[in-house]
Amino acid sequence: MTQNKQTELMSNAPVTKAILKMSIPVVLGMMVQVLYNLVDTFFIGMLNDPNQLAAANITTPIFMLMMAIATIVSTGAASYISRCLGKKDSRSANKTLSTGIAISTGLGVLVMGLQRAASRLSATIMAQRISRG
């Protein structure tokens, strides 16, 4: 969708049409993610190893946390971008979009680093418990 079509959709289209047209890609993306997780769980389950299935499923909260952070940032940015486009201030809208992407990326890297540190710590604790017998 070009810039003019997006601006036209947000400024002149009926609200219901604009919401439906903009929400369809999000809904499809969520459906693909759910389908991916289902297929992933199915194939890991075929290995008949509960430890591997548990390891795959334990990452779900981490994934959900990252999605929640991205949603918080994108919702705030989208609100401000909408106001900027309403004022015909595309420069501020573009700057806000770039900032939102940078914040989401930075927070994603931070969560990934925290998860990596936590997994090393939990692996060390489990190894100590196993060695004690």
C-alpha atoms as a PDB file:
ATOM      1  CA  MET A   1       0.000   0.000   0.000  1.00  0.00           C
ATOM      2  CA  THR A   2       1.504   3.342  -0.999  1.00  0.00           C
ATOM      3  CA  GLN A   3       1.773   6.338   1.329  1.00  0.00           C
ATOM      4  CA  ASN A   4      -1.098   8.167  -0.391  1.00  0.00           C
ATOM      5  CA  LYS A   5      -3.415   5.145  -0.180  1.00  0.00           C
ATOM      6  CA  GLN A   6      -2.605   4.673   3.508  1.00  0.00           C
ATOM      7  CA  THR A   7      -3.260   8.330   4.274  1.00  0.00           C
ATOM      8  CA  GLU A   8      -6.463   8.211   2.219  1.00  0.00           C
ATOM      9  CA  LEU A   9      -7.635   5.114   4.097  1.00  0.00           C
ATOM     10  CA  MET A  10      -6.963   6.668   7.503  1.00  0.00           C
ATOM     11  CA  SER A  11      -8.414  10.083   6.730  1.00  0.00           C
ATOM     12  CA  ASN A  12     -11.362   9.579   4.384  1.00  0.00           C
ATOM     13  CA  ALA A  13     -12.529   5.966   4.554  1.00  0.00           C
ATOM     14  CA  PRO A  14     -15.376   4.914   6.849  1.00  0.00           C
ATOM     15  CA  VAL A  15     -14.048   3.849  10.245  1.00  0.00           C
ATOM     16  CA  THR A  16     -15.359   0.275   9.955  1.00  0.00           C
ATOM     17  CA  LYS A  17     -13.726  -0.218   6.560  1.00  0.00           C
ATOM     18  CA  ALA A  18     -10.405   1.222   7.761  1.00  0.00           C
ATOM     19  CA  ILE A  19     -10.367  -0.964  10.877  1.00  0.00           C
ATOM     20  CA  LEU A  20     -11.210  -4.109   8.922  1.00  0.00           C
ATOM     21  CA  LYS A  21      -8.667  -3.397   6.190  1.00  0.00           C
ATOM     22  CA  MET A  22      -5.887  -2.699   8.676  1.00  0.00           C
ATOM     23  CA  SER A  23      -6.716  -5.531  11.090  1.00  0.00           C
ATOM     24  CA  ILE A  24      -6.835  -8.375   8.563  1.00  0.00           C
ATOM     25  CA  PRO A  25      -3.014  -8.656   8.224  1.00  0.00           C
ATOM     26  CA  VAL A  26      -2.640  -8.690  12.023  1.00  0.00           C
ATOM     27  CA  VAL A  27      -5.249 -11.430  12.433  1.00  0.00           C
ATOM     28  CA  LEU A  28      -3.664 -13.486   9.654  1.00  0.00           C
ATOM     29  CA  GLY A  29      -0.248 -13.086  11.268  1.00  0.00           C
ATOM     30  CA  MET A  30      -1.599 -14.314  14.596  1.00  0.00           C
ATOM     31  CA  MET A  31      -3.260 -17.289  12.911  1.00  0.00           C
ATOM     32  CA  VAL A  32      -0.010 -18.239  11.183  1.00  0.00           C
ATOM     33  CA  GLN A  33       1.852 -18.012  14.509  1.00  0.00           C
ATOM     34  CA  VAL A  34      -0.704 -20.244  16.262  1.00  0.00           C
ATOM     35  CA  LEU A  35      -0.551 -22.741  13.390  1.00  0.00           C
ATOM     36  CA  TYR A  36       3.259 -22.732  13.529  1.00  0.00           C
ATOM     37  CA  ASN A  37       3.220 -23.409  17.286  1.00  0.00           C
ATOM     38  CA  LEU A  38       0.672 -26.196  16.829  1.00  0.00           C
ATOM     39  CA  VAL A  39       2.685 -27.924  14.104  1.00  0.00           C
ATOM     40  CA  ASP A  40       5.898 -27.466  16.081  1.00  0.00           C
ATOM     41  CA  THR A  41       4.332 -29.044  19.173  1.00  0.00           C
ATOM     42  CA  PHE A  42       2.922 -31.900  17.084  1.00  0.00           C
ATOM     43  CA  PHE A  43       6.273 -32.841  15.566  1.00  0.00           C
ATOM     44  CA  ILE A  44       8.162 -32.517  18.852  1.00  0.00           C
ATOM     45  CA  GLY A  45       5.455 -34.643  20.494  1.00  0.00           C
ATOM     46  CA  MET A  46       6.092 -37.378  17.919  1.00  0.00           C
ATOM     47  CA  LEU A  47       9.579 -37.798  19.429  1.00  0.00           C
ATOM     48  CA  ASN A  48       7.922 -39.271  22.557  1.00  0.00           C
ATOM     49  CA  ASP A  49      10.278 -37.353  24.823  1.00  0.00           C
ATOM     50  CA  PRO A  50       8.451 -35.269  27.440  1.00  0.00           C
ATOM     51  CA  ASN A  51      11.629 -33.311  28.213  1.00  0.00           C
ATOM     52  CA  GLN A  52      11.915 -32.012  24.652  1.00  0.00           C
ATOM     53  CA  LEU A  53       8.220 -31.135  24.561  1.00  0.00           C
ATOM     54  CA  ALA A  54       8.546 -29.316  27.892  1.00  0.00           C
ATOM     55  CA  ALA A  55      11.612 -27.444  26.662  1.00  0.00           C
ATOM     56  CA  ALA A  56       9.744 -26.270  23.569  1.00  0.00           C
ATOM     57  CA  ASN A  57       6.666 -25.238  25.554  1.00  0.00           C
ATOM     58  CA  ILE A  58       8.569 -23.423  28.281  1.00  0.00           C
ATOM     59  CA  THR A  59       9.589 -20.771  25.754  1.00  0.00           C
ATOM     60  CA  THR A  60       5.958 -19.755  25.200  1.00  0.00           C
ATOM     61  CA  PRO A  61       5.883 -17.233  28.097  1.00  0.00           C
ATOM     62  CA  ILE A  62       9.090 -15.643  26.819  1.00  0.00           C
ATOM     63  CA  PHE A  63       7.597 -15.337  23.360  1.00  0.00           C
ATOM     64  CA  MET A  64       4.400 -13.871  24.812  1.00  0.00           C
ATOM     65  CA  LEU A  65       6.416 -11.357  26.840  1.00  0.00           C
ATOM     66  CA  MET A  66       8.241 -10.191  23.739  1.00  0.00           C
ATOM     67  CA  MET A  67       4.952  -9.913  21.828  1.00  0.00           C
ATOM     68  CA  ALA A  68       3.409  -7.909  24.701  1.00  0.00           C
ATOM     69  CA  ILE A  69       6.337  -5.484  24.726  1.00  0.00           C
ATOM     70  CA  ALA A  70       6.092  -5.015  20.968  1.00  0.00           C
ATOM     71  CA  THR A  71       2.336  -4.462  21.250  1.00  0.00           C
ATOM     72  CA  ILE A  72       2.762  -1.830  23.976  1.00  0.00           C
ATOM     73  CA  VAL A  73       5.309   0.100  21.923  1.00  0.00           C
ATOM     74  CA  SER A  74       3.407  -0.225  18.651  1.00  0.00           C
ATOM     75  CA  THR A  75       0.078   0.833  20.186  1.00  0.00           C
ATOM     76  CA  GLY A  76       1.599   3.979  21.634  1.00  0.00           C
ATOM     77  CA  ALA A  77       3.446   4.765  18.420  1.00  0.00           C
ATOM     78  CA  ALA A  78       0.361   4.121  16.271  1.00  0.00           C
ATOM     79  CA  SER A  79      -1.688   6.539  18.370  1.00  0.00           C
ATOM     80  CA  TYR A  80       0.869   9.303  17.996  1.00  0.00           C
ATOM     81  CA  ILE A  81       1.425   8.558  14.303  1.00  0.00           C
ATOM     82  CA  SER A  82      -2.333   8.841  13.715  1.00  0.00           C
ATOM     83  CA  ARG A  83      -2.387  12.247  15.360  1.00  0.00           C
ATOM     84  CA  CYS A  84       0.620  13.358  13.292  1.00  0.00           C
ATOM     85  CA  LEU A  85      -1.032  12.219  10.069  1.00  0.00           C
ATOM     86  CA  GLY A  86      -4.208  14.033  11.119  1.00  0.00           C
ATOM     87  CA  LYS A  87      -2.137  17.224  11.409  1.00  0.00           C
ATOM     88  CA  LYS A  88      -0.477  16.428   8.038  1.00  0.00           C
ATOM     89  CA  ASP A  89       2.901  16.159   9.799  1.00  0.00           C
ATOM     90  CA  SER A  90       4.434  13.208   7.978  1.00  0.00           C
ATOM     91  CA  ARG A  91       7.953  14.046   9.189  1.00  0.00           C
ATOM     92  CA  SER A  92       6.997  13.496  12.844  1.00  0.00           C
ATOM     93  CA  ALA A  93       5.032  10.385  11.883  1.00  0.00           C
ATOM     94  CA  ASN A  94       8.077   8.892  10.129  1.00  0.00           C
ATOM     95  CA  LYS A  95      10.340   9.812  13.057  1.00  0.00           C
ATOM     96  CA  THR A  96       7.920   8.172  15.506  1.00  0.00           C
ATOM     97  CA  LEU A  97       7.783   5.031  13.375  1.00  0.00           C
ATOM     98  CA  SER A  98      11.586   4.802  13.316  1.00  0.00           C
ATOM     99  CA  THR A  99      11.755   5.374  17.072  1.00  0.00           C
ATOM    100  CA  GLY A 100       9.117   2.695  17.710  1.00  0.00           C
ATOM    101  CA  ILE A 101      11.031   0.163  15.637  1.00  0.00           C
ATOM    102  CA  ALA A 102      14.282   1.016  17.437  1.00  0.00           C
ATOM    103  CA  ILE A 103      12.654   0.724  20.882  1.00  0.00           C
ATOM    104  CA  SER A 104      11.029  -2.609  20.002  1.00  0.00           C
ATOM    105  CA  THR A 105      14.306  -3.964  18.655  1.00  0.00           C
ATOM    106  CA  GLY A 106      16.259  -2.749  21.678  1.00  0.00           C
ATOM    107  CA  LEU A 107      13.787  -4.210  24.152  1.00  0.00           C
ATOM    108  CA  GLY A 108      13.759  -7.484  22.212  1.00  0.00           C
ATOM    109  CA  VAL A 109      17.536  -7.706  22.458  1.00  0.00           C
ATOM    110  CA  LEU A 110      17.340  -6.875  26.184  1.00  0.00           C
ATOM    111  CA  VAL A 111      14.746  -9.609  26.851  1.00  0.00           C
ATOM    112  CA  MET A 112      16.834 -12.046  24.804  1.00  0.00           C
ATOM    113  CA  GLY A 113      19.914 -11.223  26.884  1.00  0.00           C
ATOM    114  CA  LEU A 114      18.005 -11.637  30.152  1.00  0.00           C
ATOM    115  CA  GLN A 115      16.596 -14.958  28.966  1.00  0.00           C
ATOM    116  CA  ARG A 116      20.050 -16.157  27.984  1.00  0.00           C
ATOM    117  CA  ALA A 117      21.457 -15.248  31.398  1.00  0.00           C
ATOM    118  CA  ALA A 118      18.518 -16.915  33.148  1.00  0.00           C
ATOM    119  CA  SER A 119      18.919 -20.099  31.113  1.00  0.00           C
ATOM    120  CA  ARG A 120      22.625 -20.309  31.981  1.00  0.00           C
ATOM    121  CA  LEU A 121      21.808 -19.811  35.655  1.00  0.00           C
ATOM    122  CA  SER A 122      19.083 -22.470  35.606  1.00  0.00           C
ATOM    123  CA  ALA A 123      21.398 -24.897  33.769  1.00  0.00           C
ATOM    124  CA  THR A 124      24.070 -24.374  36.432  1.00  0.00           C
ATOM    125  CA  ILE A 125      21.563 -24.954  39.241  1.00  0.00           C
ATOM    126  CA  MET A 126      20.209 -28.111  37.594  1.00  0.00           C
ATOM    127  CA  ALA A 127      23.744 -29.454  37.029  1.00  0.00           C
ATOM    128  CA  GLN A 128      24.574 -28.905  40.704  1.00  0.00           C
ATOM    129  CA  ARG A 129      21.425 -30.712  41.821  1.00  0.00           C
ATOM    130  CA  ILE A 130      22.126 -33.637  39.504  1.00  0.00           C
ATOM    131  CA  SER A 131      25.715 -33.938  40.730  1.00  0.00           C
ATOM    132  CA  ARG A 132      24.520 -34.067  44.374  1.00  0.00           C
ATOM    133  CA  GLY A 133      22.420 -37.071  43.506  1.00  0.00           C
END
